PDB file of N, CA and C in Angstrom:
ATOM      1  N   MET A   1      93.149  43.428 110.259  1.00  0.00           N
ATOM      2  CA  MET A   1      92.772  44.634 111.061  1.00  0.00           C
ATOM      3  C   MET A   1      91.310  44.396 111.179  1.00  0.00           C
ATOM      4  N   SER A   2      91.098  44.743 112.375  1.00  0.00           N
ATOM      5  CA  SER A   2      89.200  44.737 112.527  1.00  0.00           C
ATOM      6  C   SER A   2      88.565  45.775 112.106  1.00  0.00           C
ATOM      7  N   ASN A   3      87.550  45.708 111.983  1.00  0.00           N
ATOM      8  CA  ASN A   3      86.515  46.957 111.607  1.00  0.00           C
ATOM      9  C   ASN A   3      86.839  48.244 112.408  1.00  0.00           C
ATOM     10  N   LEU A   4      86.914  47.755 113.872  1.00  0.00           N
ATOM     11  CA  LEU A   4      87.064  48.940 114.631  1.00  0.00           C
ATOM     12  C   LEU A   4      88.194  49.640 114.420  1.00  0.00           C
ATOM     13  N   GLU A   5      89.337  49.056 113.898  1.00  0.00           N
ATOM     14  CA  GLU A   5      90.880  49.724 113.737  1.00  0.00           C
ATOM     15  C   GLU A   5      90.732  50.428 112.317  1.00  0.00           C
ATOM     16  N   ILE A   6      89.671  49.898 111.457  1.00  0.00           N
ATOM     17  CA  ILE A   6      89.919  50.459 110.051  1.00  0.00           C
ATOM     18  C   ILE A   6      88.741  51.776 109.994  1.00  0.00           C
ATOM     19  N   GLU A   7      87.955  51.556 111.124  1.00  0.00           N
ATOM     20  CA  GLU A   7      87.057  52.968 111.389  1.00  0.00           C
ATOM     21  C   GLU A   7      87.950  53.945 112.048  1.00  0.00           C
ATOM     22  N   ARG A   8      88.792  53.830 113.229  1.00  0.00           N
ATOM     23  CA  ARG A   8      89.587  54.678 113.708  1.00  0.00           C
ATOM     24  C   ARG A   8      90.404  55.248 112.824  1.00  0.00           C
ATOM     25  N   LEU A   9      91.086  54.524 111.711  1.00  0.00           N
ATOM     26  CA  LEU A   9      92.129  54.879 110.798  1.00  0.00           C
ATOM     27  C   LEU A   9      91.450  55.798 109.801  1.00  0.00           C
ATOM     28  N   ASP A  10      90.219  55.477 109.427  1.00  0.00           N
ATOM     29  CA  ASP A  10      89.299  56.332 108.762  1.00  0.00           C
ATOM     30  C   ASP A  10      88.972  57.624 109.156  1.00  0.00           C
ATOM     31  N   ARG A  11      88.479  57.589 110.637  1.00  0.00           N
ATOM     32  CA  ARG A  11      88.083  58.905 111.424  1.00  0.00           C
ATOM     33  C   ARG A  11      89.466  59.544 111.397  1.00  0.00           C
ATOM     34  N   LEU A  12      90.534  59.018 111.835  1.00  0.00           N
ATOM     35  CA  LEU A  12      91.974  59.908 111.854  1.00  0.00           C
ATOM     36  C   LEU A  12      92.351  60.372 110.702  1.00  0.00           C
ATOM     37  N   GLU A  13      92.047  59.648 109.296  1.00  0.00           N
ATOM     38  CA  GLU A  13      92.425  60.176 107.871  1.00  0.00           C
ATOM     39  C   GLU A  13      91.470  61.340 107.786  1.00  0.00           C
ATOM     40  N   LYS A  14      90.232  61.099 108.043  1.00  0.00           N
ATOM     41  CA  LYS A  14      89.199  62.405 107.995  1.00  0.00           C
ATOM     42  C   LYS A  14      89.658  63.677 108.776  1.00  0.00           C
ATOM     43  N   LYS A  15      89.952  63.562 109.909  1.00  0.00           N
ATOM     44  CA  LYS A  15      90.652  64.587 110.998  1.00  0.00           C
ATOM     45  C   LYS A  15      91.714  65.135 110.112  1.00  0.00           C
ATOM     46  N   GLN A  16      92.617  64.378 109.707  1.00  0.00           N
ATOM     47  CA  GLN A  16      93.897  64.756 109.016  1.00  0.00           C
ATOM     48  C   GLN A  16      93.464  65.647 107.773  1.00  0.00           C
ATOM     49  N   GLN A  17      92.734  65.324 107.209  1.00  0.00           N
ATOM     50  CA  GLN A  17      92.268  65.996 106.069  1.00  0.00           C
ATOM     51  C   GLN A  17      91.629  67.517 106.124  1.00  0.00           C
ATOM     52  N   GLU A  18      90.676  67.195 107.196  1.00  0.00           N
ATOM     53  CA  GLU A  18      90.279  68.403 107.939  1.00  0.00           C
ATOM     54  C   GLU A  18      91.404  69.450 108.074  1.00  0.00           C
ATOM     55  N   LEU A  19      92.300  69.175 108.758  1.00  0.00           N
ATOM     56  CA  LEU A  19      93.293  69.746 109.604  1.00  0.00           C
ATOM     57  C   LEU A  19      93.810  70.547 108.385  1.00  0.00           C
ATOM     58  N   VAL A  20      94.459  69.568 107.502  1.00  0.00           N
ATOM     59  CA  VAL A  20      95.028  70.326 106.432  1.00  0.00           C
ATOM     60  C   VAL A  20      94.430  71.124 105.518  1.00  0.00           C
ATOM     61  N   GLU A  21      93.284  71.157 105.050  1.00  0.00           N
ATOM     62  CA  GLU A  21      92.202  71.995 104.697  1.00  0.00           C
ATOM     63  C   GLU A  21      92.213  73.549 105.531  1.00  0.00           C
ATOM     64  N   ASP A  22      92.282  73.098 106.954  1.00  0.00           N
ATOM     65  CA  ASP A  22      92.260  74.403 107.735  1.00  0.00           C
ATOM     66  C   ASP A  22      93.443  75.130 107.621  1.00  0.00           C
ATOM     67  N   LEU A  23      94.613  74.066 107.826  1.00  0.00           N
ATOM     68  CA  LEU A  23      95.989  74.857 107.565  1.00  0.00           C
ATOM     69  C   LEU A  23      95.938  75.769 106.143  1.00  0.00           C
ATOM     70  N   ALA A  24      95.655  75.311 105.191  1.00  0.00           N
ATOM     71  CA  ALA A  24      95.298  75.763 103.924  1.00  0.00           C
ATOM     72  C   ALA A  24      94.927  77.121 104.096  1.00  0.00           C
ATOM     73  N   ILE A  25      93.676  77.309 104.999  1.00  0.00           N
ATOM     74  CA  ILE A  25      93.007  78.554 104.949  1.00  0.00           C
ATOM     75  C   ILE A  25      93.704  79.414 105.791  1.00  0.00           C
ATOM     76  N   VAL A  26      94.064  78.787 106.675  1.00  0.00           N
ATOM     77  CA  VAL A  26      94.972  79.717 107.674  1.00  0.00           C
ATOM     78  C   VAL A  26      96.161  80.525 106.948  1.00  0.00           C
ATOM     79  N   GLY A  27      96.671  79.736 106.018  1.00  0.00           N
ATOM     80  CA  GLY A  27      98.060  80.177 105.278  1.00  0.00           C
ATOM     81  C   GLY A  27      97.533  81.151 104.411  1.00  0.00           C
ATOM     82  N   GLU A  28      96.239  80.911 103.830  1.00  0.00           N
ATOM     83  CA  GLU A  28      95.676  82.231 102.740  1.00  0.00           C
ATOM     84  C   GLU A  28      95.458  83.273 103.699  1.00  0.00           C
ATOM     85  N   ASN A  29      95.005  83.080 104.732  1.00  0.00           N
ATOM     86  CA  ASN A  29      94.513  84.373 105.513  1.00  0.00           C
ATOM     87  C   ASN A  29      95.720  85.188 106.068  1.00  0.00           C
ATOM     88  N   ILE A  30      96.908  84.428 106.369  1.00  0.00           N
ATOM     89  CA  ILE A  30      98.124  85.020 106.902  1.00  0.00           C
ATOM     90  C   ILE A  30      98.766  85.684 105.371  1.00  0.00           C
ATOM     91  N   ARG A  31      98.485  84.890 104.246  1.00  0.00           N
ATOM     92  CA  ARG A  31      99.153  86.042 102.926  1.00  0.00           C
ATOM     93  C   ARG A  31      98.116  87.226 103.150  1.00  0.00           C
ATOM     94  N   ASP A  32      96.980  87.088 103.328  1.00  0.00           N
ATOM     95  CA  ASP A  32      96.174  88.170 102.697  1.00  0.00           C
ATOM     96  C   ASP A  32      96.641  89.296 103.623  1.00  0.00           C
ATOM     97  N   ILE A  33      96.812  89.250 105.110  1.00  0.00           N
ATOM     98  CA  ILE A  33      97.005  89.934 106.002  1.00  0.00           C
ATOM     99  C   ILE A  33      98.395  90.504 105.978  1.00  0.00           C
ATOM    100  N   LYS A  34      99.412  89.710 105.331  1.00  0.00           N
ATOM    101  CA  LYS A  34     100.860  90.391 104.850  1.00  0.00           C
ATOM    102  C   LYS A  34     100.572  91.341 103.857  1.00  0.00           C
ATOM    103  N   ASN A  35      99.989  90.794 102.920  1.00  0.00           N
ATOM    104  CA  ASN A  35      99.529  91.936 101.624  1.00  0.00           C
ATOM    105  C   ASN A  35      98.968  93.153 102.045  1.00  0.00           C
ATOM    106  N   ALA A  36      97.864  92.983 103.027  1.00  0.00           N
ATOM    107  CA  ALA A  36      97.099  94.170 103.513  1.00  0.00           C
ATOM    108  C   ALA A  36      98.288  95.177 104.200  1.00  0.00           C
ATOM    109  N   ILE A  37      99.196  94.587 104.937  1.00  0.00           N
ATOM    110  CA  ILE A  37     100.062  95.257 105.757  1.00  0.00           C
ATOM    111  C   ILE A  37     101.141  95.846 104.975  1.00  0.00           C
ATOM    112  N   VAL A  38     101.872  95.129 104.262  1.00  0.00           N
ATOM    113  CA  VAL A  38     103.180  95.323 103.397  1.00  0.00           C
ATOM    114  C   VAL A  38     102.891  95.701 102.238  1.00  0.00           C
ATOM    115  N   GLY A  39     101.584  95.352 101.795  1.00  0.00           N
ATOM    116  CA  GLY A  39     101.397  95.337 100.068  1.00  0.00           C
ATOM    117  C   GLY A  39     101.875  94.283  99.242  1.00  0.00           C
ATOM    118  N   ASN A  40     101.576  94.249  98.045  1.00  0.00           N
ATOM    119  CA  ASN A  40     102.002  93.475  96.878  1.00  0.00           C
ATOM    120  C   ASN A  40     102.187  94.053  95.529  1.00  0.00           C
ATOM    121  N   GLU A  41     102.420  93.151  94.586  1.00  0.00           N
ATOM    122  CA  GLU A  41     102.729  93.760  93.217  1.00  0.00           C
ATOM    123  C   GLU A  41     101.787  94.381  92.613  1.00  0.00           C
ATOM    124  N   LEU A  42     100.438  93.951  93.196  1.00  0.00           N
ATOM    125  CA  LEU A  42      99.356  94.466  92.418  1.00  0.00           C
ATOM    126  C   LEU A  42      98.872  95.846  92.660  1.00  0.00           C
ATOM    127  N   ASN A  43      99.664  96.091  94.152  1.00  0.00           N
ATOM    128  CA  ASN A  43      99.374  97.904  94.559  1.00  0.00           C
ATOM    129  C   ASN A  43     100.672  98.331  94.573  1.00  0.00           C
ATOM    130  N   ASN A  44     101.562  97.834  93.786  1.00  0.00           N
ATOM    131  CA  ASN A  44     103.034  98.576  93.948  1.00  0.00           C
ATOM    132  C   ASN A  44     103.275  98.629  95.457  1.00  0.00           C
ATOM    133  N   ASN A  45     103.311  97.442  96.083  1.00  0.00           N
ATOM    134  CA  ASN A  45     103.534  97.373  97.466  1.00  0.00           C
ATOM    135  C   ASN A  45     103.350  98.433  98.251  1.00  0.00           C
ATOM    136  N   HIS A  46     102.342  99.107  97.915  1.00  0.00           N
ATOM    137  CA  HIS A  46     101.551 100.749  99.005  1.00  0.00           C
ATOM    138  C   HIS A  46     100.565  99.734  99.879  1.00  0.00           C
ATOM    139  N   GLY A  47     100.967  99.220 100.952  1.00  0.00           N
ATOM    140  CA  GLY A  47     100.306  98.520 102.152  1.00  0.00           C
ATOM    141  C   GLY A  47      99.934  99.534 103.156  1.00  0.00           C
ATOM    142  N   MET A  48      99.453  98.892 104.160  1.00  0.00           N
ATOM    143  CA  MET A  48      99.162  99.995 105.485  1.00  0.00           C
ATOM    144  C   MET A  48     100.289 100.820 105.804  1.00  0.00           C
ATOM    145  N   LEU A  49     101.413 100.078 105.856  1.00  0.00           N
ATOM    146  CA  LEU A  49     102.828 100.789 106.272  1.00  0.00           C
ATOM    147  C   LEU A  49     103.031 101.662 105.271  1.00  0.00           C
ATOM    148  N   PHE A  50     103.034 101.739 103.934  1.00  0.00           N
ATOM    149  CA  PHE A  50     103.184 102.836 103.249  1.00  0.00           C
ATOM    150  C   PHE A  50     102.264 104.089 103.335  1.00  0.00           C
ATOM    151  N   LYS A  51     101.052 103.703 103.416  1.00  0.00           N
ATOM    152  CA  LYS A  51     100.252 104.669 103.848  1.00  0.00           C
ATOM    153  C   LYS A  51     100.026 105.099 105.245  1.00  0.00           C
ATOM    154  N   ILE A  52     100.627 104.529 106.216  1.00  0.00           N
ATOM    155  CA  ILE A  52     101.152 105.022 107.697  1.00  0.00           C
ATOM    156  C   ILE A  52     102.311 106.090 107.291  1.00  0.00           C
ATOM    157  N   ASN A  53     103.462 105.637 106.381  1.00  0.00           N
ATOM    158  CA  ASN A  53     104.252 106.428 106.276  1.00  0.00           C
ATOM    159  C   ASN A  53     104.148 108.041 105.706  1.00  0.00           C
ATOM    160  N   GLU A  54     103.123 107.536 104.726  1.00  0.00           N
ATOM    161  CA  GLU A  54     102.666 108.678 103.823  1.00  0.00           C
ATOM    162  C   GLU A  54     101.670 109.938 104.572  1.00  0.00           C
ATOM    163  N   ILE A  55     100.962 109.234 105.690  1.00  0.00           N
ATOM    164  CA  ILE A  55     100.221 110.164 106.810  1.00  0.00           C
ATOM    165  C   ILE A  55     101.321 110.826 107.603  1.00  0.00           C
ATOM    166  N   GLU A  56     102.534 110.232 107.644  1.00  0.00           N
ATOM    167  CA  GLU A  56     103.167 110.856 108.943  1.00  0.00           C
ATOM    168  C   GLU A  56     104.113 112.012 108.165  1.00  0.00           C
ATOM    169  N   ASP A  57     104.463 112.172 106.986  1.00  0.00           N
ATOM    170  CA  ASP A  57     104.997 112.689 106.184  1.00  0.00           C
ATOM    171  C   ASP A  57     104.071 114.056 105.791  1.00  0.00           C
ATOM    172  N   ARG A  58     102.823 113.610 105.766  1.00  0.00           N
ATOM    173  CA  ARG A  58     101.814 114.844 105.623  1.00  0.00           C
ATOM    174  C   ARG A  58     101.559 115.710 106.865  1.00  0.00           C
ATOM    175  N   VAL A  59     101.606 114.904 107.979  1.00  0.00           N
ATOM    176  CA  VAL A  59     101.247 115.634 109.181  1.00  0.00           C
ATOM    177  C   VAL A  59     102.748 116.219 109.659  1.00  0.00           C
ATOM    178  N   GLU A  60     103.883 115.911 109.289  1.00  0.00           N
ATOM    179  CA  GLU A  60     105.062 116.842 109.372  1.00  0.00           C
ATOM    180  C   GLU A  60     105.044 117.954 108.796  1.00  0.00           C
ATOM    181  N   ASP A  61     104.491 118.025 107.267  1.00  0.00           N
ATOM    182  CA  ASP A  61     104.120 118.895 106.367  1.00  0.00           C
ATOM    183  C   ASP A  61     103.288 119.987 106.957  1.00  0.00           C
ATOM    184  N   LEU A  62     102.139 119.411 107.434  1.00  0.00           N
ATOM    185  CA  LEU A  62     101.126 120.247 108.173  1.00  0.00           C
ATOM    186  C   LEU A  62     101.576 121.105 109.577  1.00  0.00           C
ATOM    187  N   GLU A  63     102.376 120.320 110.052  1.00  0.00           N
ATOM    188  CA  GLU A  63     102.936 120.817 111.214  1.00  0.00           C
ATOM    189  C   GLU A  63     103.969 122.252 111.003  1.00  0.00           C
ATOM    190  N   THR A  64     104.875 121.975 110.040  1.00  0.00           N
ATOM    191  CA  THR A  64     105.626 122.887 109.653  1.00  0.00           C
ATOM    192  C   THR A  64     105.143 124.185 108.917  1.00  0.00           C
ATOM    193  N   PHE A  65     103.774 124.144 108.092  1.00  0.00           N
ATOM    194  CA  PHE A  65     102.973 125.157 107.620  1.00  0.00           C
ATOM    195  C   PHE A  65     102.680 125.888 108.949  1.00  0.00           C
ATOM    196  N   LYS A  66     102.086 125.234 109.651  1.00  0.00           N
ATOM    197  CA  LYS A  66     101.036 125.696 111.000  1.00  0.00           C
ATOM    198  C   LYS A  66     102.139 126.672 111.715  1.00  0.00           C
ATOM    199  N   ASN A  67     103.407 126.154 111.936  1.00  0.00           N
ATOM    200  CA  ASN A  67     104.062 127.044 112.508  1.00  0.00           C
ATOM    201  C   ASN A  67     104.806 128.197 111.539  1.00  0.00           C
ATOM    202  N   GLU A  68     104.688 127.953 110.510  1.00  0.00           N
ATOM    203  CA  GLU A  68     105.189 129.258 109.608  1.00  0.00           C
ATOM    204  C   GLU A  68     103.865 130.254 109.789  1.00  0.00           C
ATOM    205  N   VAL A  69     102.296 129.571 109.596  1.00  0.00           N
ATOM    206  CA  VAL A  69     101.308 130.404 109.467  1.00  0.00           C
ATOM    207  C   VAL A  69     101.554 131.151 110.996  1.00  0.00           C
ATOM    208  N   SER A  70     101.863 130.417 111.999  1.00  0.00           N
ATOM    209  CA  SER A  70     101.618 130.773 113.412  1.00  0.00           C
ATOM    210  C   SER A  70     102.872 132.499 113.365  1.00  0.00           C
ATOM    211  N   VAL A  71     103.568 131.968 112.809  1.00  0.00           N
ATOM    212  CA  VAL A  71     104.736 133.423 112.757  1.00  0.00           C
ATOM    213  C   VAL A  71     104.220 134.557 112.251  1.00  0.00           C
ATOM    214  N   TYR A  72     103.583 134.302 110.663  1.00  0.00           N
ATOM    215  CA  TYR A  72     102.685 135.429 110.136  1.00  0.00           C
ATOM    216  C   TYR A  72     101.530 136.268 111.036  1.00  0.00           C
ATOM    217  N   VAL A  73     100.619 135.035 111.808  1.00  0.00           N
ATOM    218  CA  VAL A  73      99.620 135.668 112.510  1.00  0.00           C
ATOM    219  C   VAL A  73     100.205 136.618 113.689  1.00  0.00           C
ATOM    220  N   ASN A  74     101.258 136.035 114.290  1.00  0.00           N
ATOM    221  CA  ASN A  74     102.003 136.925 115.407  1.00  0.00           C
ATOM    222  C   ASN A  74     102.646 138.102 114.982  1.00  0.00           C
ATOM    223  N   GLN A  75     103.101 138.266 113.343  1.00  0.00           N
ATOM    224  CA  GLN A  75     103.520 139.587 113.126  1.00  0.00           C
ATOM    225  C   GLN A  75     102.318 140.521 112.769  1.00  0.00           C
ATOM    226  N   PHE A  76     101.040 139.831 112.134  1.00  0.00           N
ATOM    227  CA  PHE A  76     100.038 140.581 111.847  1.00  0.00           C
ATOM    228  C   PHE A  76      99.498 141.347 113.057  1.00  0.00           C
ATOM    229  N   LYS A  77      99.317 140.629 114.399  1.00  0.00           N
ATOM    230  CA  LYS A  77      99.002 140.677 115.626  1.00  0.00           C
ATOM    231  C   LYS A  77      99.754 142.584 115.803  1.00  0.00           C
ATOM    232  N   VAL A  78     101.176 142.394 115.890  1.00  0.00           N
ATOM    233  CA  VAL A  78     101.882 143.188 116.107  1.00  0.00           C
ATOM    234  C   VAL A  78     101.667 144.452 115.359  1.00  0.00           C
ATOM    235  N   VAL A  79     101.314 144.392 113.826  1.00  0.00           N
ATOM    236  CA  VAL A  79     101.222 145.485 112.779  1.00  0.00           C
ATOM    237  C   VAL A  79      99.873 146.015 113.536  1.00  0.00           C
ATOM    238  N   ILE A  80      98.932 145.192 113.791  1.00  0.00           N
ATOM    239  CA  ILE A  80      97.703 145.727 114.101  1.00  0.00           C
ATOM    240  C   ILE A  80      97.603 146.739 115.355  1.00  0.00           C
ATOM    241  N   VAL A  81      98.501 146.270 116.160  1.00  0.00           N
ATOM    242  CA  VAL A  81      98.428 146.751 117.552  1.00  0.00           C
ATOM    243  C   VAL A  81      99.216 148.140 117.456  1.00  0.00           C
ATOM    244  N   ILE A  82     100.525 147.973 116.497  1.00  0.00           N
ATOM    245  CA  ILE A  82     101.359 149.795 116.026  1.00  0.00           C
ATOM    246  C   ILE A  82     100.150 150.374 114.937  1.00  0.00           C
ATOM    247  N   ILE A  83      99.393 150.009 114.330  1.00  0.00           N
ATOM    248  CA  ILE A  83      98.250 150.581 113.721  1.00  0.00           C
ATOM    249  C   ILE A  83      97.207 151.110 114.690  1.00  0.00           C
ATOM    250  N   LEU A  84      96.848 150.487 115.413  1.00  0.00           N
ATOM    251  CA  LEU A  84      95.846 151.063 116.392  1.00  0.00           C
ATOM    252  C   LEU A  84      96.409 152.047 117.635  1.00  0.00           C
ATOM    253  N   GLY A  85      97.579 151.798 117.770  1.00  0.00           N
ATOM    254  CA  GLY A  85      98.402 152.796 118.724  1.00  0.00           C
ATOM    255  C   GLY A  85      98.527 154.008 117.920  1.00  0.00           C
ATOM    256  N   SER A  86      99.021 154.208 116.585  1.00  0.00           N
ATOM    257  CA  SER A  86      99.166 154.975 115.856  1.00  0.00           C
ATOM    258  C   SER A  86      98.000 155.747 115.896  1.00  0.00           C
ATOM    259  N   LEU A  87      96.977 155.294 115.499  1.00  0.00           N
ATOM    260  CA  LEU A  87      95.561 155.823 115.165  1.00  0.00           C
ATOM    261  C   LEU A  87      94.984 156.504 116.680  1.00  0.00           C
ATOM    262  N   ALA A  88      95.154 155.918 117.587  1.00  0.00           N
ATOM    263  CA  ALA A  88      94.678 156.030 119.282  1.00  0.00           C
ATOM    264  C   ALA A  88      95.709 157.782 119.639  1.00  0.00           C
ATOM    265  N   THR A  89      97.151 157.734 119.124  1.00  0.00           N
ATOM    266  CA  THR A  89      97.763 158.832 119.319  1.00  0.00           C
ATOM    267  C   THR A  89      97.473 159.962 118.646  1.00  0.00           C
ATOM    268  N   ILE A  90      96.863 159.957 117.171  1.00  0.00           N
ATOM    269  CA  ILE A  90      96.653 160.771 116.326  1.00  0.00           C
ATOM    270  C   ILE A  90      95.439 161.460 116.807  1.00  0.00           C
ATOM    271  N   LEU A  91      94.478 160.634 117.169  1.00  0.00           N
ATOM    272  CA  LEU A  91      93.102 160.975 117.793  1.00  0.00           C
ATOM    273  C   LEU A  91      93.410 161.870 118.948  1.00  0.00           C
ATOM    274  N   VAL A  92      94.084 161.326 119.774  1.00  0.00           N
ATOM    275  CA  VAL A  92      94.646 162.179 121.241  1.00  0.00           C
ATOM    276  C   VAL A  92      94.966 163.571 120.929  1.00  0.00           C
ATOM    277  N   LYS A  93      95.986 163.481 119.716  1.00  0.00           N
ATOM    278  CA  LYS A  93      96.930 164.497 119.410  1.00  0.00           C
ATOM    279  C   LYS A  93      95.362 165.754 118.977  1.00  0.00           C
ATOM    280  N   ILE A  94      94.885 165.169 118.037  1.00  0.00           N
ATOM    281  CA  ILE A  94      93.726 166.037 117.432  1.00  0.00           C
ATOM    282  C   ILE A  94      92.842 166.675 118.642  1.00  0.00           C
ATOM    283  N   PHE A  95      92.301 165.804 119.211  1.00  0.00           N
ATOM    284  CA  PHE A  95      91.253 166.490 120.226  1.00  0.00           C
ATOM    285  C   PHE A  95      92.105 167.095 121.373  1.00  0.00           C
ATOM    286  N   SER A  96      93.286 166.795 121.728  1.00  0.00           N
ATOM    287  CA  SER A  96      94.054 167.589 122.595  1.00  0.00           C
ATOM    288  C   SER A  96      94.287 169.200 121.930  1.00  0.00           C
ATOM    289  N   LYS A  97      94.489 169.293 121.080  1.00  0.00           N
ATOM    290  CA  LYS A  97      94.908 170.241 120.446  1.00  0.00           C
ATOM    291  C   LYS A  97      93.814 171.350 120.316  1.00  0.00           C
ATOM    292  N   SER A  98      92.427 170.801 120.232  1.00  0.00           N
ATOM    293  CA  SER A  98      91.123 171.733 119.935  1.00  0.00           C
ATOM    294  C   SER A  98      90.885 172.431 121.129  1.00  0.00           C
TER     295      SER A  98
END
């Protein structure tokens, strides 16, 4: 083999080694991304998907609570209107008798 062929072979081997190293880095990055999304043993598989599901459950609980509170608020409004109506009626009767 000539020197030119040896140099080309060396460059190809060097390029192959760089590609192998880059591939290892990409593989580590993919593993890190997977661990962040689905979790791993160190965080009890509580990745982003677990957090999203947890947040969805909390939002559903808050929506249920909001609906319950709105019912109580509406009932309170009715009670206030009845009390104010009763007071107005009593005041009208008191002043109309005088």
